[in-house]
N, C-alpha and C. Protein backbone atom coordinates (compact mmCIF):
# COMPACT_ATOMS: atom_id res chain seq x y z
N MET A 1 -42.76 -11.65 72.55
CA MET A 1 -42.57 -12.59 73.71
C MET A 1 -43.68 -13.69 73.39
N LYS A 2 -43.31 -14.93 73.66
CA LYS A 2 -44.13 -16.08 73.56
C LYS A 2 -44.65 -16.71 74.98
N PHE A 3 -45.84 -16.97 75.02
CA PHE A 3 -46.13 -17.47 76.38
C PHE A 3 -46.70 -18.94 76.16
N PRO A 4 -46.59 -19.73 77.32
CA PRO A 4 -46.91 -21.15 77.20
C PRO A 4 -48.44 -21.18 76.85
N LYS A 5 -48.94 -22.28 76.25
CA LYS A 5 -50.33 -22.41 75.66
C LYS A 5 -51.29 -22.43 76.76
N TYR A 6 -51.04 -22.97 77.78
CA TYR A 6 -52.28 -23.05 79.03
C TYR A 6 -51.75 -22.43 80.23
N GLY A 7 -50.65 -21.74 80.22
CA GLY A 7 -50.14 -21.00 81.51
C GLY A 7 -49.50 -22.04 82.55
N HIS A 8 -48.67 -21.33 83.37
CA HIS A 8 -47.98 -22.12 84.27
C HIS A 8 -47.93 -21.34 85.74
N TYR A 9 -47.44 -22.10 86.70
CA TYR A 9 -47.54 -21.41 87.97
C TYR A 9 -46.31 -22.03 88.75
N ALA A 10 -45.88 -21.43 89.87
CA ALA A 10 -44.89 -21.99 90.80
C ALA A 10 -45.39 -21.42 92.05
N LEU A 11 -45.48 -22.27 93.21
CA LEU A 11 -45.78 -21.68 94.41
C LEU A 11 -45.04 -22.59 95.44
N ASP A 12 -44.71 -21.86 96.49
CA ASP A 12 -44.03 -22.39 97.79
C ASP A 12 -44.18 -21.34 98.91
N PHE A 13 -43.96 -21.86 100.04
CA PHE A 13 -43.94 -21.16 101.29
C PHE A 13 -42.49 -20.69 101.56
N SER A 14 -42.22 -19.50 101.86
CA SER A 14 -41.21 -18.77 102.36
C SER A 14 -41.62 -18.04 103.69
N GLY A 15 -41.05 -18.43 104.91
CA GLY A 15 -41.60 -17.86 106.03
C GLY A 15 -43.02 -17.99 106.20
N ASN A 16 -43.83 -17.16 106.41
CA ASN A 16 -45.23 -17.20 106.53
C ASN A 16 -46.00 -16.58 105.34
N VAL A 17 -45.27 -16.52 104.12
CA VAL A 17 -45.74 -16.06 102.84
C VAL A 17 -45.68 -17.16 101.87
N MET A 18 -46.92 -17.38 101.30
CA MET A 18 -46.87 -18.29 100.04
C MET A 18 -46.55 -17.32 98.85
N GLU A 19 -45.61 -17.76 98.25
CA GLU A 19 -45.18 -17.00 96.95
C GLU A 19 -45.70 -17.61 95.65
N VAL A 20 -46.40 -16.98 94.87
CA VAL A 20 -47.06 -17.52 93.70
C VAL A 20 -46.61 -16.72 92.38
N PHE A 21 -46.09 -17.56 91.54
CA PHE A 21 -45.69 -16.88 90.23
C PHE A 21 -46.55 -17.59 89.08
N ALA A 22 -47.27 -16.59 88.39
CA ALA A 22 -48.25 -16.97 87.40
C ALA A 22 -47.83 -16.55 86.15
N THR A 23 -47.84 -17.48 85.06
CA THR A 23 -47.34 -17.04 83.77
C THR A 23 -48.30 -17.53 82.61
N GLY A 24 -48.38 -17.06 81.59
CA GLY A 24 -49.06 -17.41 80.41
C GLY A 24 -50.63 -17.22 80.60
N ALA A 25 -51.51 -17.74 79.52
CA ALA A 25 -52.86 -17.58 79.62
C ALA A 25 -53.37 -19.01 80.24
N TRP A 26 -54.24 -18.61 81.27
CA TRP A 26 -54.70 -19.77 82.04
C TRP A 26 -56.04 -20.30 81.62
N ASN A 27 -56.24 -21.70 81.64
CA ASN A 27 -57.46 -22.18 81.42
C ASN A 27 -57.91 -22.98 82.59
N LEU A 28 -59.18 -23.64 82.64
CA LEU A 28 -59.65 -24.16 84.02
C LEU A 28 -58.57 -25.27 84.55
N ASN A 29 -58.05 -26.08 83.60
CA ASN A 29 -57.22 -27.19 83.98
C ASN A 29 -55.89 -26.43 84.84
N THR A 30 -55.42 -25.34 84.46
CA THR A 30 -54.39 -24.78 85.02
C THR A 30 -54.84 -24.29 86.57
N ALA A 31 -55.96 -23.72 86.44
CA ALA A 31 -56.56 -23.24 87.74
C ALA A 31 -56.80 -24.30 88.74
N GLU A 32 -57.37 -25.46 88.33
CA GLU A 32 -57.62 -26.51 89.21
C GLU A 32 -56.51 -27.17 89.66
N ALA A 33 -55.27 -27.48 88.71
CA ALA A 33 -54.23 -27.86 89.12
C ALA A 33 -53.56 -27.08 90.30
N MET A 34 -53.70 -25.66 90.20
CA MET A 34 -52.97 -24.89 91.03
C MET A 34 -53.84 -24.88 92.38
N ALA A 35 -55.05 -25.06 92.23
CA ALA A 35 -55.95 -25.09 93.57
C ALA A 35 -55.43 -26.37 94.50
N LEU A 36 -55.40 -27.44 93.79
CA LEU A 36 -54.96 -28.59 94.44
C LEU A 36 -53.52 -28.58 95.08
N ASP A 37 -52.53 -28.13 94.27
CA ASP A 37 -51.23 -27.91 94.86
C ASP A 37 -51.24 -27.03 96.05
N MET A 38 -51.96 -25.84 95.94
CA MET A 38 -52.24 -24.67 96.93
C MET A 38 -52.76 -25.43 98.14
N LYS A 39 -53.76 -26.40 98.15
CA LYS A 39 -54.47 -26.95 99.15
C LYS A 39 -53.59 -27.85 99.99
N GLU A 40 -52.69 -28.60 99.24
CA GLU A 40 -51.53 -29.47 99.89
C GLU A 40 -50.60 -28.54 100.52
N LEU A 41 -50.33 -27.47 100.01
CA LEU A 41 -49.32 -26.56 100.84
C LEU A 41 -49.86 -25.96 101.96
N VAL A 42 -51.15 -25.45 101.91
CA VAL A 42 -51.95 -24.86 102.95
C VAL A 42 -51.96 -25.74 104.11
N ARG A 43 -52.26 -27.02 103.78
CA ARG A 43 -52.44 -28.24 104.87
C ARG A 43 -51.13 -28.24 105.77
N ARG A 44 -49.95 -28.09 105.18
CA ARG A 44 -48.74 -28.05 105.87
C ARG A 44 -48.71 -27.07 106.96
N ILE A 45 -49.14 -25.83 106.94
CA ILE A 45 -48.98 -24.75 107.73
C ILE A 45 -49.96 -24.89 109.04
N ASP A 46 -51.00 -25.84 108.98
CA ASP A 46 -51.76 -26.14 110.14
C ASP A 46 -52.50 -24.99 110.57
N ASN A 47 -53.20 -24.25 109.69
CA ASN A 47 -54.14 -23.16 109.97
C ASN A 47 -53.52 -21.95 110.78
N ASN A 48 -52.14 -21.75 110.57
CA ASN A 48 -51.53 -20.62 111.21
C ASN A 48 -51.71 -19.56 110.08
N PRO A 49 -51.72 -18.29 110.77
CA PRO A 49 -51.88 -17.11 109.76
C PRO A 49 -50.74 -17.14 108.78
N TRP A 50 -51.22 -16.71 107.51
CA TRP A 50 -50.18 -16.66 106.50
C TRP A 50 -50.72 -15.58 105.46
N ALA A 51 -49.78 -15.18 104.58
CA ALA A 51 -50.08 -14.18 103.39
C ALA A 51 -49.86 -14.81 102.10
N ALA A 52 -50.25 -14.30 101.14
CA ALA A 52 -50.02 -14.77 99.66
C ALA A 52 -49.31 -13.53 98.97
N LEU A 53 -48.26 -13.75 98.26
CA LEU A 53 -47.63 -12.82 97.38
C LEU A 53 -47.62 -13.40 95.92
N MET A 54 -48.51 -12.73 95.12
CA MET A 54 -48.69 -13.24 93.76
C MET A 54 -48.21 -12.39 92.76
N ASP A 55 -47.14 -12.93 92.02
CA ASP A 55 -46.54 -12.14 90.98
C ASP A 55 -47.31 -12.45 89.65
N GLY A 56 -47.97 -11.48 89.16
CA GLY A 56 -48.79 -11.87 87.89
C GLY A 56 -48.28 -10.93 86.77
N ARG A 57 -47.11 -10.51 86.87
CA ARG A 57 -46.64 -9.59 85.66
C ARG A 57 -46.53 -10.33 84.52
N ARG A 58 -46.18 -11.67 84.43
CA ARG A 58 -46.11 -12.51 83.23
C ARG A 58 -47.37 -13.38 82.94
N TRP A 59 -48.37 -13.07 83.66
CA TRP A 59 -49.58 -13.82 83.48
C TRP A 59 -50.38 -13.00 82.39
N VAL A 60 -50.89 -13.81 81.50
CA VAL A 60 -51.64 -13.19 80.36
C VAL A 60 -53.06 -13.04 80.69
N LEU A 61 -53.76 -13.74 81.42
CA LEU A 61 -55.27 -13.53 81.83
C LEU A 61 -55.67 -15.03 81.78
N SER A 62 -56.89 -15.19 82.14
CA SER A 62 -57.50 -16.51 82.18
C SER A 62 -58.85 -16.57 81.67
N THR A 63 -59.38 -17.80 81.25
CA THR A 63 -60.81 -18.02 80.89
C THR A 63 -61.67 -17.74 81.89
N PRO A 64 -62.93 -17.30 81.59
CA PRO A 64 -63.89 -16.95 82.68
C PRO A 64 -64.17 -18.03 83.55
N ASP A 65 -64.25 -19.40 83.24
CA ASP A 65 -64.45 -20.36 84.11
C ASP A 65 -63.37 -20.52 85.28
N CYS A 66 -62.12 -20.07 85.01
CA CYS A 66 -61.17 -19.92 85.91
C CYS A 66 -61.37 -19.07 87.27
N GLN A 67 -62.02 -17.91 87.01
CA GLN A 67 -62.51 -17.04 88.00
C GLN A 67 -63.16 -17.77 89.10
N LYS A 68 -64.23 -18.56 88.87
CA LYS A 68 -64.84 -19.28 89.81
C LYS A 68 -64.08 -20.16 90.64
N CYS A 69 -63.29 -20.89 89.95
CA CYS A 69 -62.37 -21.99 90.61
C CYS A 69 -61.37 -21.16 91.63
N LEU A 70 -60.88 -19.95 91.02
CA LEU A 70 -59.91 -19.20 91.83
C LEU A 70 -60.56 -18.53 93.03
N SER A 71 -61.79 -18.08 92.77
CA SER A 71 -62.54 -17.52 93.82
C SER A 71 -62.83 -18.47 95.03
N GLU A 72 -63.26 -19.80 94.62
CA GLU A 72 -63.53 -20.77 95.64
C GLU A 72 -62.18 -21.07 96.39
N THR A 73 -61.12 -21.19 95.71
CA THR A 73 -59.69 -21.40 96.25
C THR A 73 -59.32 -20.34 97.24
N ILE A 74 -59.43 -19.19 96.94
CA ILE A 74 -59.23 -18.08 97.72
C ILE A 74 -60.17 -18.08 99.08
N LYS A 75 -61.40 -18.46 98.89
CA LYS A 75 -62.16 -18.62 100.01
C LYS A 75 -61.94 -19.72 101.12
N ASN A 76 -61.51 -20.77 100.39
CA ASN A 76 -60.99 -21.96 101.25
C ASN A 76 -59.66 -21.52 101.94
N ASN A 77 -58.63 -20.90 101.22
CA ASN A 77 -57.42 -20.35 101.84
C ASN A 77 -57.75 -19.48 103.06
N ILE A 78 -58.82 -18.42 102.88
CA ILE A 78 -59.05 -17.64 103.89
C ILE A 78 -59.49 -18.40 105.26
N LYS A 79 -60.39 -19.34 104.94
CA LYS A 79 -60.93 -20.25 106.11
C LYS A 79 -59.84 -21.30 106.70
N ASN A 80 -58.61 -21.15 106.08
CA ASN A 80 -57.53 -21.89 106.42
C ASN A 80 -56.24 -20.87 106.66
N GLY A 81 -56.55 -19.66 107.18
CA GLY A 81 -55.37 -18.86 107.77
C GLY A 81 -54.92 -17.79 106.89
N LEU A 82 -55.39 -17.71 105.56
CA LEU A 82 -54.95 -16.52 104.70
C LEU A 82 -55.38 -15.24 105.19
N LYS A 83 -54.59 -14.26 105.50
CA LYS A 83 -55.11 -13.10 106.06
C LYS A 83 -54.76 -11.90 105.12
N ARG A 84 -53.70 -11.98 104.28
CA ARG A 84 -53.28 -10.87 103.41
C ARG A 84 -52.93 -11.47 102.06
N SER A 85 -53.33 -10.59 100.94
CA SER A 85 -52.72 -11.02 99.55
C SER A 85 -52.20 -9.81 99.06
N ALA A 86 -51.08 -10.04 98.53
CA ALA A 86 -50.25 -8.74 97.80
C ALA A 86 -50.28 -9.36 96.20
N TYR A 87 -50.72 -8.65 95.27
CA TYR A 87 -50.79 -9.01 93.99
C TYR A 87 -49.94 -7.82 93.27
N VAL A 88 -48.87 -8.40 92.53
CA VAL A 88 -47.86 -7.58 91.81
C VAL A 88 -48.29 -7.70 90.35
N LEU A 89 -48.81 -6.65 89.89
CA LEU A 89 -49.27 -6.57 88.41
C LEU A 89 -48.63 -5.52 87.66
N ASP A 90 -48.85 -5.61 86.25
CA ASP A 90 -48.58 -4.34 85.51
C ASP A 90 -49.37 -3.30 85.70
N ALA A 91 -48.92 -2.15 85.34
CA ALA A 91 -49.84 -0.89 85.59
C ALA A 91 -51.08 -0.78 85.06
N GLY A 92 -51.49 -1.50 84.07
CA GLY A 92 -52.78 -1.74 83.31
C GLY A 92 -53.95 -2.07 84.28
N MET A 93 -55.11 -1.93 83.92
CA MET A 93 -56.21 -2.19 84.75
C MET A 93 -56.84 -3.65 84.36
N VAL A 94 -56.63 -4.30 83.27
CA VAL A 94 -57.28 -5.29 82.95
C VAL A 94 -57.13 -6.51 83.75
N LYS A 95 -55.80 -6.77 84.16
CA LYS A 95 -55.52 -7.97 85.05
C LYS A 95 -56.13 -7.61 86.46
N LYS A 96 -56.17 -6.47 87.01
CA LYS A 96 -56.74 -6.22 88.20
C LYS A 96 -58.22 -6.45 88.20
N ALA A 97 -58.91 -5.98 87.11
CA ALA A 97 -60.31 -6.12 86.96
C ALA A 97 -60.62 -7.48 86.92
N GLN A 98 -59.78 -8.41 86.32
CA GLN A 98 -60.27 -9.72 86.18
C GLN A 98 -60.09 -10.51 87.62
N LEU A 99 -58.93 -10.03 88.42
CA LEU A 99 -58.74 -10.51 89.70
C LEU A 99 -59.67 -10.12 90.77
N GLU A 100 -60.21 -8.84 90.61
CA GLU A 100 -61.33 -8.44 91.40
C GLU A 100 -62.44 -9.29 91.45
N ARG A 101 -62.83 -9.91 90.40
CA ARG A 101 -63.90 -10.84 90.19
C ARG A 101 -63.76 -12.15 91.08
N THR A 102 -62.56 -12.35 91.62
CA THR A 102 -62.12 -13.38 92.42
C THR A 102 -62.21 -12.99 93.92
N HIS A 103 -62.33 -11.78 94.29
CA HIS A 103 -62.40 -11.16 95.72
C HIS A 103 -63.64 -11.64 96.38
N PRO A 104 -63.41 -12.30 97.55
CA PRO A 104 -64.72 -12.64 98.28
C PRO A 104 -65.26 -11.48 99.17
N ALA A 105 -64.91 -10.29 98.75
CA ALA A 105 -65.55 -9.08 99.61
C ALA A 105 -66.96 -9.35 99.74
N GLU A 106 -67.82 -9.77 98.84
CA GLU A 106 -69.36 -9.90 98.98
C GLU A 106 -69.74 -11.06 99.95
N ASP A 107 -68.86 -11.96 100.37
CA ASP A 107 -69.06 -13.14 101.17
C ASP A 107 -69.20 -12.63 102.64
N ASN A 108 -70.42 -12.40 103.18
CA ASN A 108 -70.47 -12.02 104.63
C ASN A 108 -69.99 -12.98 105.65
N GLU A 109 -70.01 -14.29 105.24
CA GLU A 109 -69.26 -15.36 106.10
C GLU A 109 -67.90 -15.16 106.39
N LEU A 110 -67.19 -14.65 105.28
CA LEU A 110 -65.73 -14.45 105.49
C LEU A 110 -65.27 -13.16 106.10
N ALA A 111 -66.22 -12.26 106.42
CA ALA A 111 -65.91 -10.93 107.00
C ALA A 111 -65.24 -11.24 108.40
N LYS A 112 -65.43 -12.20 109.06
CA LYS A 112 -64.83 -12.45 110.36
C LYS A 112 -63.41 -12.96 110.37
N PHE A 113 -62.99 -13.22 109.12
CA PHE A 113 -61.51 -13.74 108.99
C PHE A 113 -60.29 -12.55 108.87
N ASP A 114 -60.79 -11.38 108.71
CA ASP A 114 -59.82 -10.35 108.63
C ASP A 114 -58.98 -10.35 107.54
N TYR A 115 -59.48 -10.69 106.25
CA TYR A 115 -58.81 -10.83 105.03
C TYR A 115 -58.72 -9.41 104.31
N ARG A 116 -57.55 -9.07 103.94
CA ARG A 116 -57.33 -7.94 102.98
C ARG A 116 -56.32 -8.22 101.81
N ARG A 117 -56.60 -7.65 100.79
CA ARG A 117 -55.75 -7.68 99.57
C ARG A 117 -55.45 -6.25 99.03
N GLU A 118 -54.18 -6.22 98.51
CA GLU A 118 -53.88 -5.01 97.97
C GLU A 118 -53.18 -5.25 96.68
N TYR A 119 -52.90 -4.41 95.70
CA TYR A 119 -52.34 -4.49 94.38
C TYR A 119 -51.08 -3.37 94.33
N PHE A 120 -50.12 -3.98 93.75
CA PHE A 120 -48.86 -3.23 93.53
C PHE A 120 -48.21 -3.55 92.14
N THR A 121 -47.42 -2.50 91.72
CA THR A 121 -46.72 -2.68 90.38
C THR A 121 -45.38 -3.06 90.59
N THR A 122 -44.68 -3.12 92.04
CA THR A 122 -43.39 -3.68 92.15
C THR A 122 -43.28 -4.71 93.25
N TYR A 123 -42.63 -5.77 93.21
CA TYR A 123 -42.50 -6.89 94.13
C TYR A 123 -41.94 -6.25 95.54
N PHE A 124 -41.07 -5.27 95.39
CA PHE A 124 -40.52 -4.58 96.73
C PHE A 124 -41.72 -4.10 97.37
N ASP A 125 -42.47 -3.23 96.80
CA ASP A 125 -43.65 -2.60 97.45
C ASP A 125 -44.66 -3.49 98.11
N ALA A 126 -44.79 -4.70 97.42
CA ALA A 126 -45.63 -5.63 97.89
C ALA A 126 -44.96 -6.28 99.09
N LEU A 127 -43.69 -6.70 99.07
CA LEU A 127 -43.04 -7.16 100.10
C LEU A 127 -43.11 -6.20 101.50
N ASN A 128 -42.93 -4.98 101.27
CA ASN A 128 -43.05 -3.93 102.32
C ASN A 128 -44.27 -3.95 103.05
N TRP A 129 -45.35 -3.93 102.19
CA TRP A 129 -46.71 -3.90 102.77
C TRP A 129 -46.98 -5.18 103.51
N LEU A 130 -46.59 -6.42 103.10
CA LEU A 130 -46.76 -7.60 103.77
C LEU A 130 -45.99 -7.67 105.10
N HIS A 131 -44.76 -7.01 104.99
CA HIS A 131 -44.00 -7.01 106.23
C HIS A 131 -44.66 -6.03 107.25
N GLN A 132 -45.23 -4.86 106.91
CA GLN A 132 -46.02 -3.97 107.90
C GLN A 132 -47.11 -4.78 108.45
N GLU A 133 -47.69 -5.53 107.69
CA GLU A 133 -48.97 -6.27 108.19
C GLU A 133 -48.47 -7.48 109.07
N GLY A 134 -47.14 -7.84 109.11
CA GLY A 134 -46.78 -8.82 109.99
C GLY A 134 -46.37 -10.25 109.33
N TYR A 135 -46.12 -10.09 107.96
CA TYR A 135 -46.02 -11.34 107.21
C TYR A 135 -44.67 -11.06 106.36
N SER A 136 -43.66 -12.04 106.37
CA SER A 136 -42.34 -12.05 105.70
C SER A 136 -42.07 -13.37 105.22
N PRO A 137 -41.43 -13.31 103.88
CA PRO A 137 -40.84 -14.58 103.55
C PRO A 137 -39.45 -14.99 104.29
N PHE A 138 -38.91 -14.16 105.11
CA PHE A 138 -37.77 -14.25 105.91
C PHE A 138 -38.22 -14.75 107.17
N PRO A 139 -37.72 -15.98 107.63
CA PRO A 139 -38.24 -16.33 109.07
C PRO A 139 -37.62 -15.51 110.10
N ASN A 140 -38.48 -15.16 111.16
CA ASN A 140 -38.00 -14.41 112.28
C ASN A 140 -37.59 -12.95 111.97
N THR A 141 -38.54 -12.38 111.11
CA THR A 141 -38.18 -10.93 110.73
C THR A 141 -39.53 -10.25 111.13
């Protein structure tokens, strides 16, 4: 399998869920571009509660400088309505370990926002969890 040189992403809102698809090996430019695109999308939902569903099964990993950028983006999203994040990853621990470095759990200021994240190996399990938490890519469900 051949991956794009600098990674790619696609993101959009469906219902009250931002779906994020990440592929390839990311560098800081990719992370910064996604952060800008994400900020624009989040602006459109006007601070209403929302969830993120990130499919990282075709994501290869990222450079260390990406982690800080992604962590700041997640913190900003939490301040702008992000309540739940469901990450769909392969069964291995390397991707999860890298993503855990972006978790804002140590930030006491964000504790009041009721943010939670979970990891899954299937998209369906992630959708089920988000649905149980009150978030769905399908309007009015």
